[in-house]
Amino acid sequence: MIAFLFRRLIQASILMLSVALIAFVMFQFVGDPVDGMLAESATQFERDALRESLGLNDSVITQYIRFVQNMATGNFGISYYNQEDVFKLIMERIPATLELVFVAVVLSILIGFPLGIWISLSKNKWLTSTVQVGSLVGVSLPSFVTGILLIIVFSVWLGIFPSHGRGEVVDLGGWTTGLLTTSGWHSIILPALSLCLFKVTLIMRLISSEMQEVLRTDYIKFAKARGIKQSSINYVHALRNSLLPVVTVMGLQIGGLIAFAIVTETVFQWPGMGMLFIQAINYVDIPVISSYLVFISFIFICLNTLVDMLYFIIDPRMKSHA
């Protein structure tokens, strides 16, 4: 296990250095940062002084090493547009994004798992086929279309949920949350549903296909022959051996939800990292764009490592390959 974690740490370090190199190249070739930080009326002396203070006169290698060191210590630079520390901006926005992703993941699991198990065990072929066809519709609809439809039905027509914003939030000492207020829960339901719809369908179809395949294996037939209860066969043997691909996909999908919640946050005007990223693109705010890239890559790497560790818990056979 220790050797496995050590190998993963080395791989993660190499990947993060590669991502940092890509972000650094963005700084070098997407324009002069001095142009974005000073007014057009700035003198040449002011421009030269700023270039010197930023270390832009140093060699490329020196700048890259300093860039990596700053990133490692949480120094992501100053936003060109907001004129604030980028790390501070990310920390202000990330609670909203993580809160949205958390609720979306919980809804995906609570809805997708039971549906997938029911489809794999149900004898009602007509009803299961109807649910599966409906799931295809859920997969096919783009998230922005789903979001707009949810707003039209539940906000405009029924007036049950708000169409935008995060609602009232509570400050817990550097971390804000809307999950402790009624308006916060009302505000998060629609964007979370829009974000989780594809994941519900994915989990449901993955669980059902994996369980149906496992239930056809020989050891399940031997378990039935030995007189083991059907419920034990379904929920202990079959379900457990169907979880590996689900854990893999869910680990990657959580990272994807964080990275690509941009569309949902834009539709619902959710004040998360996605909105910050869209703003950065509109104003060519390179420090924010590159920091977002590094931050999301770090989350992906952490989630992949966590998924690999869960393999050891779910499948004891993985220990022999550590």
C-alpha atoms as a PDB file:
ATOM      1  CA  MET A   1       0.000   0.000   0.000  1.00  0.00           C
ATOM      2  CA  ILE A   2       2.834   2.409   0.881  1.00  0.00           C
ATOM      3  CA  ALA A   3       4.651   1.572  -2.360  1.00  0.00           C
ATOM      4  CA  PHE A   4       1.434   2.155  -4.276  1.00  0.00           C
ATOM      5  CA  LEU A   5       0.910   5.567  -2.670  1.00  0.00           C
ATOM      6  CA  PHE A   6       4.534   6.489  -3.339  1.00  0.00           C
ATOM      7  CA  ARG A   7       4.164   5.640  -7.043  1.00  0.00           C
ATOM      8  CA  ARG A   8       0.961   7.651  -7.226  1.00  0.00           C
ATOM      9  CA  LEU A   9       2.685  10.596  -5.544  1.00  0.00           C
ATOM     10  CA  ILE A  10       5.498  10.534  -8.122  1.00  0.00           C
ATOM     11  CA  GLN A  11       2.996  10.329 -10.984  1.00  0.00           C
ATOM     12  CA  ALA A  12       0.916  13.153  -9.515  1.00  0.00           C
ATOM     13  CA  SER A  13       4.012  15.350  -9.167  1.00  0.00           C
ATOM     14  CA  ILE A  14       4.956  14.806 -12.812  1.00  0.00           C
ATOM     15  CA  LEU A  15       1.410  15.545 -13.960  1.00  0.00           C
ATOM     16  CA  MET A  16       1.182  18.722 -11.894  1.00  0.00           C
ATOM     17  CA  LEU A  17       4.536  19.932 -13.247  1.00  0.00           C
ATOM     18  CA  SER A  18       3.236  19.320 -16.776  1.00  0.00           C
ATOM     19  CA  VAL A  19       0.042  21.251 -16.056  1.00  0.00           C
ATOM     20  CA  ALA A  20       2.077  24.052 -14.495  1.00  0.00           C
ATOM     21  CA  LEU A  21       4.179  24.158 -17.678  1.00  0.00           C
ATOM     22  CA  ILE A  22       1.035  24.553 -19.805  1.00  0.00           C
ATOM     23  CA  ALA A  23      -0.229  27.333 -17.524  1.00  0.00           C
ATOM     24  CA  PHE A  24       3.204  28.998 -17.641  1.00  0.00           C
ATOM     25  CA  VAL A  25       3.215  28.896 -21.452  1.00  0.00           C
ATOM     26  CA  MET A  26      -0.163  30.658 -21.368  1.00  0.00           C
ATOM     27  CA  PHE A  27       1.474  33.470 -19.417  1.00  0.00           C
ATOM     28  CA  GLN A  28       4.332  33.696 -21.915  1.00  0.00           C
ATOM     29  CA  PHE A  29       2.450  33.671 -25.209  1.00  0.00           C
ATOM     30  CA  VAL A  30      -1.062  35.033 -24.564  1.00  0.00           C
ATOM     31  CA  GLY A  31       0.043  38.617 -24.205  1.00  0.00           C
ATOM     32  CA  ASP A  32       2.114  40.868 -22.002  1.00  0.00           C
ATOM     33  CA  PRO A  33       0.733  40.917 -18.429  1.00  0.00           C
ATOM     34  CA  VAL A  34       1.966  44.486 -18.039  1.00  0.00           C
ATOM     35  CA  ASP A  35      -0.569  45.609 -20.649  1.00  0.00           C
ATOM     36  CA  GLY A  36      -3.375  44.156 -18.563  1.00  0.00           C
ATOM     37  CA  MET A  37      -2.200  45.605 -15.257  1.00  0.00           C
ATOM     38  CA  LEU A  38      -1.405  49.208 -16.256  1.00  0.00           C
ATOM     39  CA  ALA A  39      -3.489  51.870 -17.884  1.00  0.00           C
ATOM     40  CA  GLU A  40      -2.748  52.957 -21.449  1.00  0.00           C
ATOM     41  CA  SER A  41      -1.482  56.280 -20.113  1.00  0.00           C
ATOM     42  CA  ALA A  42       1.295  54.605 -18.065  1.00  0.00           C
ATOM     43  CA  THR A  43       4.826  55.817 -18.800  1.00  0.00           C
ATOM     44  CA  GLN A  44       7.626  53.599 -20.048  1.00  0.00           C
ATOM     45  CA  PHE A  45       9.360  53.999 -16.679  1.00  0.00           C
ATOM     46  CA  GLU A  46       6.276  52.619 -14.882  1.00  0.00           C
ATOM     47  CA  ARG A  47       6.079  49.729 -17.328  1.00  0.00           C
ATOM     48  CA  ASP A  48       9.760  48.860 -16.886  1.00  0.00           C
ATOM     49  CA  ALA A  49       9.449  49.073 -13.089  1.00  0.00           C
ATOM     50  CA  LEU A  50       6.440  46.729 -13.094  1.00  0.00           C
ATOM     51  CA  ARG A  51       8.224  44.256 -15.390  1.00  0.00           C
ATOM     52  CA  GLU A  52      11.171  44.223 -13.016  1.00  0.00           C
ATOM     53  CA  SER A  53       8.970  43.753  -9.925  1.00  0.00           C
ATOM     54  CA  LEU A  54       7.160  40.849 -11.610  1.00  0.00           C
ATOM     55  CA  GLY A  55      10.437  39.208 -12.576  1.00  0.00           C
ATOM     56  CA  LEU A  56       9.618  39.277 -16.284  1.00  0.00           C
ATOM     57  CA  ASN A  57      13.194  40.273 -17.141  1.00  0.00           C
ATOM     58  CA  ASP A  58      14.572  36.991 -15.764  1.00  0.00           C
ATOM     59  CA  SER A  59      15.306  33.962 -17.925  1.00  0.00           C
ATOM     60  CA  VAL A  60      12.439  31.659 -18.946  1.00  0.00           C
ATOM     61  CA  ILE A  61      13.748  28.796 -16.768  1.00  0.00           C
ATOM     62  CA  THR A  62      14.016  31.070 -13.727  1.00  0.00           C
ATOM     63  CA  GLN A  63      10.485  32.335 -14.314  1.00  0.00           C
ATOM     64  CA  TYR A  64       9.124  28.784 -14.620  1.00  0.00           C
ATOM     65  CA  ILE A  65      10.798  27.631 -11.389  1.00  0.00           C
ATOM     66  CA  ARG A  66       9.445  30.683  -9.573  1.00  0.00           C
ATOM     67  CA  PHE A  67       6.018  30.075 -11.114  1.00  0.00           C
ATOM     68  CA  VAL A  68       5.957  26.475  -9.799  1.00  0.00           C
ATOM     69  CA  GLN A  69       7.171  27.563  -6.366  1.00  0.00           C
ATOM     70  CA  ASN A  70       4.478  30.241  -6.164  1.00  0.00           C
ATOM     71  CA  MET A  71       1.779  27.786  -7.240  1.00  0.00           C
ATOM     72  CA  ALA A  72       2.954  25.261  -4.618  1.00  0.00           C
ATOM     73  CA  THR A  73       2.597  27.882  -1.877  1.00  0.00           C
ATOM     74  CA  GLY A  74      -0.819  29.105  -3.068  1.00  0.00           C
ATOM     75  CA  ASN A  75       0.487  32.270  -4.712  1.00  0.00           C
ATOM     76  CA  PHE A  76      -1.491  32.404  -7.981  1.00  0.00           C
ATOM     77  CA  GLY A  77      -0.802  36.049  -8.740  1.00  0.00           C
ATOM     78  CA  ILE A  78      -3.115  39.044  -9.136  1.00  0.00           C
ATOM     79  CA  SER A  79      -6.239  39.025 -11.297  1.00  0.00           C
ATOM     80  CA  TYR A  80      -5.946  41.516 -14.160  1.00  0.00           C
ATOM     81  CA  TYR A  81      -9.653  42.315 -14.105  1.00  0.00           C
ATOM     82  CA  ASN A  82     -10.516  42.205 -10.383  1.00  0.00           C
ATOM     83  CA  GLN A  83      -7.105  43.477  -9.205  1.00  0.00           C
ATOM     84  CA  GLU A  84      -7.302  41.000  -6.318  1.00  0.00           C
ATOM     85  CA  ASP A  85      -5.307  37.976  -5.251  1.00  0.00           C
ATOM     86  CA  VAL A  86      -6.373  35.020  -7.432  1.00  0.00           C
ATOM     87  CA  PHE A  87      -6.169  32.529  -4.559  1.00  0.00           C
ATOM     88  CA  LYS A  88      -8.543  34.725  -2.556  1.00  0.00           C
ATOM     89  CA  LEU A  89     -10.983  34.860  -5.491  1.00  0.00           C
ATOM     90  CA  ILE A  90     -10.908  31.058  -5.851  1.00  0.00           C
ATOM     91  CA  MET A  91     -11.437  30.523  -2.127  1.00  0.00           C
ATOM     92  CA  GLU A  92     -14.430  32.872  -2.237  1.00  0.00           C
ATOM     93  CA  ARG A  93     -16.026  30.989  -5.143  1.00  0.00           C
ATOM     94  CA  ILE A  94     -15.117  27.358  -4.455  1.00  0.00           C
ATOM     95  CA  PRO A  95     -17.610  26.817  -1.563  1.00  0.00           C
ATOM     96  CA  ALA A  96     -20.506  27.497  -3.951  1.00  0.00           C
ATOM     97  CA  THR A  97     -19.148  25.091  -6.596  1.00  0.00           C
ATOM     98  CA  LEU A  98     -18.295  22.288  -4.151  1.00  0.00           C
ATOM     99  CA  GLU A  99     -21.680  22.682  -2.470  1.00  0.00           C
ATOM    100  CA  LEU A 100     -23.448  22.377  -5.824  1.00  0.00           C
ATOM    101  CA  VAL A 101     -21.358  19.356  -6.839  1.00  0.00           C
ATOM    102  CA  PHE A 102     -21.908  17.682  -3.450  1.00  0.00           C
ATOM    103  CA  VAL A 103     -25.691  17.939  -3.718  1.00  0.00           C
ATOM    104  CA  ALA A 104     -25.581  16.788  -7.365  1.00  0.00           C
ATOM    105  CA  VAL A 105     -23.466  13.725  -6.467  1.00  0.00           C
ATOM    106  CA  VAL A 106     -25.747  12.799  -3.546  1.00  0.00           C
ATOM    107  CA  LEU A 107     -28.815  13.078  -5.770  1.00  0.00           C
ATOM    108  CA  SER A 108     -27.096  11.014  -8.479  1.00  0.00           C
ATOM    109  CA  ILE A 109     -26.328   8.216  -6.024  1.00  0.00           C
ATOM    110  CA  LEU A 110     -29.702   8.301  -4.260  1.00  0.00           C
ATOM    111  CA  ILE A 111     -31.582   8.138  -7.568  1.00  0.00           C
ATOM    112  CA  GLY A 112     -29.205   6.235  -9.847  1.00  0.00           C
ATOM    113  CA  PHE A 113     -28.262   3.331  -7.553  1.00  0.00           C
ATOM    114  CA  PRO A 114     -31.812   2.198  -6.651  1.00  0.00           C
ATOM    115  CA  LEU A 115     -32.969   2.571 -10.256  1.00  0.00           C
ATOM    116  CA  GLY A 116     -30.015   0.574 -11.564  1.00  0.00           C
ATOM    117  CA  ILE A 117     -30.549  -2.226  -9.042  1.00  0.00           C
ATOM    118  CA  TRP A 118     -34.302  -2.272  -9.742  1.00  0.00           C
ATOM    119  CA  ILE A 119     -33.797  -2.497 -13.503  1.00  0.00           C
ATOM    120  CA  SER A 120     -31.344  -5.396 -13.141  1.00  0.00           C
ATOM    121  CA  LEU A 121     -33.671  -7.370 -10.822  1.00  0.00           C
ATOM    122  CA  SER A 122     -37.142  -6.417 -12.074  1.00  0.00           C
ATOM    123  CA  LYS A 123     -39.185  -8.910 -14.051  1.00  0.00           C
ATOM    124  CA  ASN A 124     -41.385  -6.188 -15.562  1.00  0.00           C
ATOM    125  CA  LYS A 125     -39.643  -5.803 -18.920  1.00  0.00           C
ATOM    126  CA  TRP A 126     -42.094  -3.217 -20.245  1.00  0.00           C
ATOM    127  CA  LEU A 127     -41.618  -0.868 -17.302  1.00  0.00           C
ATOM    128  CA  THR A 128     -37.835  -1.258 -17.218  1.00  0.00           C
ATOM    129  CA  SER A 129     -37.648  -0.598 -20.961  1.00  0.00           C
ATOM    130  CA  THR A 130     -39.677   2.578 -20.472  1.00  0.00           C
ATOM    131  CA  VAL A 131     -37.281   3.790 -17.770  1.00  0.00           C
ATOM    132  CA  GLN A 132     -34.273   3.003 -19.963  1.00  0.00           C
ATOM    133  CA  VAL A 133     -35.740   4.888 -22.911  1.00  0.00           C
ATOM    134  CA  GLY A 134     -36.384   7.819 -20.614  1.00  0.00           C
ATOM    135  CA  SER A 135     -32.765   7.637 -19.482  1.00  0.00           C
ATOM    136  CA  LEU A 136     -31.635   7.977 -23.092  1.00  0.00           C
ATOM    137  CA  VAL A 137     -33.537  11.243 -23.273  1.00  0.00           C
ATOM    138  CA  GLY A 138     -31.739  12.383 -20.119  1.00  0.00           C
ATOM    139  CA  VAL A 139     -28.349  11.560 -21.643  1.00  0.00           C
ATOM    140  CA  SER A 140     -29.166  13.259 -24.954  1.00  0.00           C
ATOM    141  CA  LEU A 141     -30.347  16.586 -23.572  1.00  0.00           C
ATOM    142  CA  PRO A 142     -27.565  19.189 -23.162  1.00  0.00           C
ATOM    143  CA  SER A 143     -27.261  20.523 -19.620  1.00  0.00           C
ATOM    144  CA  PHE A 144     -28.166  24.074 -20.632  1.00  0.00           C
ATOM    145  CA  VAL A 145     -31.398  22.821 -22.232  1.00  0.00           C
ATOM    146  CA  THR A 146     -32.224  20.856 -19.077  1.00  0.00           C
ATOM    147  CA  GLY A 147     -31.527  23.911 -16.955  1.00  0.00           C
ATOM    148  CA  ILE A 148     -33.728  26.170 -19.056  1.00  0.00           C
ATOM    149  CA  LEU A 149     -36.577  23.632 -18.999  1.00  0.00           C
ATOM    150  CA  LEU A 150     -36.324  23.333 -15.208  1.00  0.00           C
ATOM    151  CA  ILE A 151     -36.433  27.126 -14.871  1.00  0.00           C
ATOM    152  CA  ILE A 152     -39.473  27.400 -17.154  1.00  0.00           C
ATOM    153  CA  VAL A 153     -41.424  24.683 -15.332  1.00  0.00           C
ATOM    154  CA  PHE A 154     -40.484  25.159 -11.672  1.00  0.00           C
ATOM    155  CA  SER A 155     -39.646  28.879 -11.579  1.00  0.00           C
ATOM    156  CA  VAL A 156     -41.800  30.551 -14.242  1.00  0.00           C
ATOM    157  CA  TRP A 157     -44.887  28.312 -14.369  1.00  0.00           C
ATOM    158  CA  LEU A 158     -45.063  26.865 -10.854  1.00  0.00           C
ATOM    159  CA  GLY A 159     -43.022  29.464  -8.953  1.00  0.00           C
ATOM    160  CA  ILE A 160     -41.676  26.829  -6.540  1.00  0.00           C
ATOM    161  CA  PHE A 161     -37.915  27.454  -6.826  1.00  0.00           C
ATOM    162  CA  PRO A 162     -35.883  30.585  -7.645  1.00  0.00           C
ATOM    163  CA  SER A 163     -34.395  30.773 -11.128  1.00  0.00           C
ATOM    164  CA  HIS A 164     -30.991  32.189 -10.189  1.00  0.00           C
ATOM    165  CA  GLY A 165     -28.642  32.972  -7.329  1.00  0.00           C
ATOM    166  CA  ARG A 166     -27.486  31.047  -4.296  1.00  0.00           C
ATOM    167  CA  GLY A 167     -29.966  32.307  -1.724  1.00  0.00           C
ATOM    168  CA  GLU A 168     -29.058  33.256   1.819  1.00  0.00           C
ATOM    169  CA  VAL A 169     -25.684  31.902   2.983  1.00  0.00           C
ATOM    170  CA  VAL A 170     -24.076  31.410   6.374  1.00  0.00           C
ATOM    171  CA  ASP A 171     -20.428  32.304   6.998  1.00  0.00           C
ATOM    172  CA  LEU A 172     -18.701  29.551   8.975  1.00  0.00           C
ATOM    173  CA  GLY A 173     -15.404  31.349   9.346  1.00  0.00           C
ATOM    174  CA  GLY A 174     -13.963  31.538   5.853  1.00  0.00           C
ATOM    175  CA  TRP A 175     -16.403  29.027   4.379  1.00  0.00           C
ATOM    176  CA  THR A 176     -19.879  30.037   3.232  1.00  0.00           C
ATOM    177  CA  THR A 177     -22.753  27.609   2.840  1.00  0.00           C
ATOM    178  CA  GLY A 178     -26.375  27.847   1.844  1.00  0.00           C
ATOM    179  CA  LEU A 179     -27.208  24.362   3.096  1.00  0.00           C
ATOM    180  CA  LEU A 180     -28.043  25.762   6.523  1.00  0.00           C
ATOM    181  CA  THR A 181     -30.764  28.097   5.270  1.00  0.00           C
ATOM    182  CA  THR A 182     -34.168  27.476   3.695  1.00  0.00           C
ATOM    183  CA  SER A 183     -33.553  29.857   0.784  1.00  0.00           C
ATOM    184  CA  GLY A 184     -30.192  28.181   0.187  1.00  0.00           C
ATOM    185  CA  TRP A 185     -31.859  24.782  -0.236  1.00  0.00           C
ATOM    186  CA  HIS A 186     -34.543  26.269  -2.468  1.00  0.00           C
ATOM    187  CA  SER A 187     -31.877  27.848  -4.662  1.00  0.00           C
ATOM    188  CA  ILE A 188     -29.677  24.765  -5.036  1.00  0.00           C
ATOM    189  CA  ILE A 189     -32.342  22.226  -6.014  1.00  0.00           C
ATOM    190  CA  LEU A 190     -32.760  23.216  -9.673  1.00  0.00           C
ATOM    191  CA  PRO A 191     -29.051  23.635 -10.566  1.00  0.00           C
ATOM    192  CA  ALA A 192     -28.215  20.393  -8.728  1.00  0.00           C
ATOM    193  CA  LEU A 193     -30.933  18.518 -10.638  1.00  0.00           C
ATOM    194  CA  SER A 194     -29.709  19.957 -13.916  1.00  0.00           C
ATOM    195  CA  LEU A 195     -26.128  18.985 -13.096  1.00  0.00           C
ATOM    196  CA  CYS A 196     -26.918  15.462 -11.879  1.00  0.00           C
ATOM    197  CA  LEU A 197     -29.357  14.323 -14.572  1.00  0.00           C
ATOM    198  CA  PHE A 198     -26.669  12.897 -16.854  1.00  0.00           C
ATOM    199  CA  LYS A 199     -24.911  11.269 -13.881  1.00  0.00           C
ATOM    200  CA  VAL A 200     -28.143   9.620 -12.705  1.00  0.00           C
ATOM    201  CA  THR A 201     -28.574   8.035 -16.120  1.00  0.00           C
ATOM    202  CA  LEU A 202     -24.929   6.990 -16.253  1.00  0.00           C
ATOM    203  CA  ILE A 203     -24.962   5.338 -12.813  1.00  0.00           C
ATOM    204  CA  MET A 204     -28.312   3.654 -13.451  1.00  0.00           C
ATOM    205  CA  ARG A 205     -27.264   2.098 -16.753  1.00  0.00           C
ATOM    206  CA  LEU A 206     -23.824   1.137 -15.449  1.00  0.00           C
ATOM    207  CA  ILE A 207     -25.182  -0.556 -12.313  1.00  0.00           C
ATOM    208  CA  SER A 208     -27.890  -2.414 -14.214  1.00  0.00           C
ATOM    209  CA  SER A 209     -25.551  -3.713 -16.931  1.00  0.00           C
ATOM    210  CA  GLU A 210     -22.837  -4.744 -14.465  1.00  0.00           C
ATOM    211  CA  MET A 211     -25.273  -6.500 -12.108  1.00  0.00           C
ATOM    212  CA  GLN A 212     -26.957  -8.363 -14.957  1.00  0.00           C
ATOM    213  CA  GLU A 213     -23.570  -9.555 -16.146  1.00  0.00           C
ATOM    214  CA  VAL A 214     -22.484 -10.650 -12.661  1.00  0.00           C
ATOM    215  CA  LEU A 215     -25.781 -12.458 -12.040  1.00  0.00           C
ATOM    216  CA  ARG A 216     -25.052 -14.649 -15.081  1.00  0.00           C
ATOM    217  CA  THR A 217     -21.660 -15.825 -13.812  1.00  0.00           C
ATOM    218  CA  ASP A 218     -20.981 -19.345 -12.555  1.00  0.00           C
ATOM    219  CA  TYR A 219     -20.237 -18.459  -8.943  1.00  0.00           C
ATOM    220  CA  ILE A 220     -23.684 -16.838  -8.618  1.00  0.00           C
ATOM    221  CA  LYS A 221     -25.223 -20.091  -9.914  1.00  0.00           C
ATOM    222  CA  PHE A 222     -23.175 -22.061  -7.356  1.00  0.00           C
ATOM    223  CA  ALA A 223     -24.327 -19.677  -4.600  1.00  0.00           C
ATOM    224  CA  LYS A 224     -27.949 -20.338  -5.565  1.00  0.00           C
ATOM    225  CA  ALA A 225     -27.282 -24.080  -5.599  1.00  0.00           C
ATOM    226  CA  ARG A 226     -25.885 -23.896  -2.064  1.00  0.00           C
ATOM    227  CA  GLY A 227     -29.142 -22.360  -0.868  1.00  0.00           C
ATOM    228  CA  ILE A 228     -27.870 -18.843  -0.127  1.00  0.00           C
ATOM    229  CA  LYS A 229     -30.718 -16.357   0.194  1.00  0.00           C
ATOM    230  CA  GLN A 230     -31.564 -14.467  -2.993  1.00  0.00           C
ATOM    231  CA  SER A 231     -31.334 -11.124  -1.211  1.00  0.00           C
ATOM    232  CA  SER A 232     -27.806 -11.967  -0.054  1.00  0.00           C
ATOM    233  CA  ILE A 233     -26.833 -13.001  -3.576  1.00  0.00           C
ATOM    234  CA  ASN A 234     -28.246  -9.786  -5.055  1.00  0.00           C
ATOM    235  CA  TYR A 235     -27.025  -7.200  -2.567  1.00  0.00           C
ATOM    236  CA  VAL A 236     -23.832  -8.777  -1.166  1.00  0.00           C
ATOM    237  CA  HIS A 237     -22.278 -10.822  -3.948  1.00  0.00           C
ATOM    238  CA  ALA A 238     -23.648  -9.305  -7.170  1.00  0.00           C
ATOM    239  CA  LEU A 239     -23.822  -5.664  -6.112  1.00  0.00           C
ATOM    240  CA  ARG A 240     -20.375  -5.613  -4.501  1.00  0.00           C
ATOM    241  CA  ASN A 241     -18.742  -7.105  -7.572  1.00  0.00           C
ATOM    242  CA  SER A 242     -20.497  -4.506  -9.732  1.00  0.00           C
ATOM    243  CA  LEU A 243     -19.089  -1.524  -7.859  1.00  0.00           C
ATOM    244  CA  LEU A 244     -15.564  -1.298  -9.319  1.00  0.00           C
ATOM    245  CA  PRO A 245     -16.525   0.312 -12.645  1.00  0.00           C
ATOM    246  CA  VAL A 246     -19.063   2.507 -10.846  1.00  0.00           C
ATOM    247  CA  VAL A 247     -16.421   3.773  -8.410  1.00  0.00           C
ATOM    248  CA  THR A 248     -14.079   4.492 -11.320  1.00  0.00           C
ATOM    249  CA  VAL A 249     -16.679   6.418 -13.281  1.00  0.00           C
ATOM    250  CA  MET A 250     -17.971   8.313 -10.247  1.00  0.00           C
ATOM    251  CA  GLY A 251     -14.467   9.381  -9.264  1.00  0.00           C
ATOM    252  CA  LEU A 252     -13.855  10.814 -12.702  1.00  0.00           C
ATOM    253  CA  GLN A 253     -17.346  12.279 -12.935  1.00  0.00           C
ATOM    254  CA  ILE A 254     -16.978  14.211  -9.674  1.00  0.00           C
ATOM    255  CA  GLY A 255     -13.899  15.893 -11.098  1.00  0.00           C
ATOM    256  CA  GLY A 256     -15.828  16.498 -14.294  1.00  0.00           C
ATOM    257  CA  LEU A 257     -18.709  18.044 -12.375  1.00  0.00           C
ATOM    258  CA  ILE A 258     -16.344  20.490 -10.676  1.00  0.00           C
ATOM    259  CA  ALA A 259     -14.527  21.333 -13.889  1.00  0.00           C
ATOM    260  CA  PHE A 260     -17.503  21.522 -16.221  1.00  0.00           C
ATOM    261  CA  ALA A 261     -20.214  22.964 -13.987  1.00  0.00           C
ATOM    262  CA  ILE A 262     -19.585  26.152 -15.951  1.00  0.00           C
ATOM    263  CA  VAL A 263     -22.703  25.779 -18.104  1.00  0.00           C
ATOM    264  CA  THR A 264     -25.009  25.080 -15.158  1.00  0.00           C
ATOM    265  CA  GLU A 265     -23.552  27.937 -13.124  1.00  0.00           C
ATOM    266  CA  THR A 266     -24.002  30.286 -16.086  1.00  0.00           C
ATOM    267  CA  VAL A 267     -27.630  29.272 -16.692  1.00  0.00           C
ATOM    268  CA  PHE A 268     -28.577  29.641 -13.019  1.00  0.00           C
ATOM    269  CA  GLN A 269     -26.177  32.539 -12.297  1.00  0.00           C
ATOM    270  CA  TRP A 270     -24.612  30.417  -9.576  1.00  0.00           C
ATOM    271  CA  PRO A 271     -21.672  32.358  -8.028  1.00  0.00           C
ATOM    272  CA  GLY A 272     -19.103  29.559  -8.256  1.00  0.00           C
ATOM    273  CA  MET A 273     -15.765  28.931  -9.953  1.00  0.00           C
ATOM    274  CA  GLY A 274     -17.465  28.410 -13.311  1.00  0.00           C
ATOM    275  CA  MET A 275     -18.774  31.970 -13.322  1.00  0.00           C
ATOM    276  CA  LEU A 276     -15.331  33.236 -12.327  1.00  0.00           C
ATOM    277  CA  PHE A 277     -13.789  31.283 -15.211  1.00  0.00           C
ATOM    278  CA  ILE A 278     -16.296  32.674 -17.729  1.00  0.00           C
ATOM    279  CA  GLN A 279     -15.522  36.179 -16.502  1.00  0.00           C
ATOM    280  CA  ALA A 280     -11.788  35.503 -16.844  1.00  0.00           C
ATOM    281  CA  ILE A 281     -12.241  34.346 -20.454  1.00  0.00           C
ATOM    282  CA  ASN A 282     -14.290  37.438 -21.331  1.00  0.00           C
ATOM    283  CA  TYR A 283     -11.561  39.751 -20.003  1.00  0.00           C
ATOM    284  CA  VAL A 284      -8.553  37.553 -20.964  1.00  0.00           C
ATOM    285  CA  ASP A 285      -7.621  37.308 -17.285  1.00  0.00           C
ATOM    286  CA  ILE A 286      -4.669  34.903 -17.703  1.00  0.00           C
ATOM    287  CA  PRO A 287      -3.795  34.502 -13.969  1.00  0.00           C
ATOM    288  CA  VAL A 288      -7.336  33.316 -13.206  1.00  0.00           C
ATOM    289  CA  ILE A 289      -7.495  31.034 -16.268  1.00  0.00           C
ATOM    290  CA  SER A 290      -4.160  29.348 -15.549  1.00  0.00           C
ATOM    291  CA  SER A 291      -4.928  29.035 -11.816  1.00  0.00           C
ATOM    292  CA  TYR A 292      -8.265  27.431 -12.633  1.00  0.00           C
ATOM    293  CA  LEU A 293      -6.458  24.945 -14.887  1.00  0.00           C
ATOM    294  CA  VAL A 294      -3.939  24.013 -12.182  1.00  0.00           C
ATOM    295  CA  PHE A 295      -6.577  23.825  -9.453  1.00  0.00           C
ATOM    296  CA  ILE A 296      -8.927  21.583 -11.438  1.00  0.00           C
ATOM    297  CA  SER A 297      -6.023  19.334 -12.455  1.00  0.00           C
ATOM    298  CA  PHE A 298      -5.067  18.966  -8.798  1.00  0.00           C
ATOM    299  CA  ILE A 299      -8.637  17.943  -7.941  1.00  0.00           C
ATOM    300  CA  PHE A 300      -8.677  15.365 -10.760  1.00  0.00           C
ATOM    301  CA  ILE A 301      -5.392  13.849  -9.585  1.00  0.00           C
ATOM    302  CA  CYS A 302      -6.574  13.653  -5.960  1.00  0.00           C
ATOM    303  CA  LEU A 303      -9.843  12.015  -6.989  1.00  0.00           C
ATOM    304  CA  ASN A 304      -8.083   9.456  -9.211  1.00  0.00           C
ATOM    305  CA  THR A 305      -5.756   8.549  -6.343  1.00  0.00           C
ATOM    306  CA  LEU A 306      -8.728   8.202  -3.991  1.00  0.00           C
ATOM    307  CA  VAL A 307     -10.490   5.931  -6.507  1.00  0.00           C
ATOM    308  CA  ASP A 308      -7.425   3.707  -6.748  1.00  0.00           C
ATOM    309  CA  MET A 309      -7.314   3.456  -2.951  1.00  0.00           C
ATOM    310  CA  LEU A 310     -10.993   2.479  -2.846  1.00  0.00           C
ATOM    311  CA  TYR A 311     -10.165  -0.445  -5.136  1.00  0.00           C
ATOM    312  CA  PHE A 312      -8.240  -2.011  -2.250  1.00  0.00           C
ATOM    313  CA  ILE A 313     -11.335  -1.823  -0.053  1.00  0.00           C
ATOM    314  CA  ILE A 314     -13.846  -3.069  -2.609  1.00  0.00           C
ATOM    315  CA  ASP A 315     -11.730  -5.725  -4.353  1.00  0.00           C
ATOM    316  CA  PRO A 316      -9.198  -7.601  -2.170  1.00  0.00           C
ATOM    317  CA  ARG A 317      -7.580  -9.014  -5.325  1.00  0.00           C
ATOM    318  CA  MET A 318      -6.065  -5.608  -6.018  1.00  0.00           C
ATOM    319  CA  LYS A 319      -3.760  -5.999  -3.021  1.00  0.00           C
ATOM    320  CA  SER A 320      -1.772  -8.666  -4.817  1.00  0.00           C
ATOM    321  CA  HIS A 321      -0.905  -6.146  -7.566  1.00  0.00           C
ATOM    322  CA  ALA A 322       0.197  -3.368  -5.213  1.00  0.00           C
END
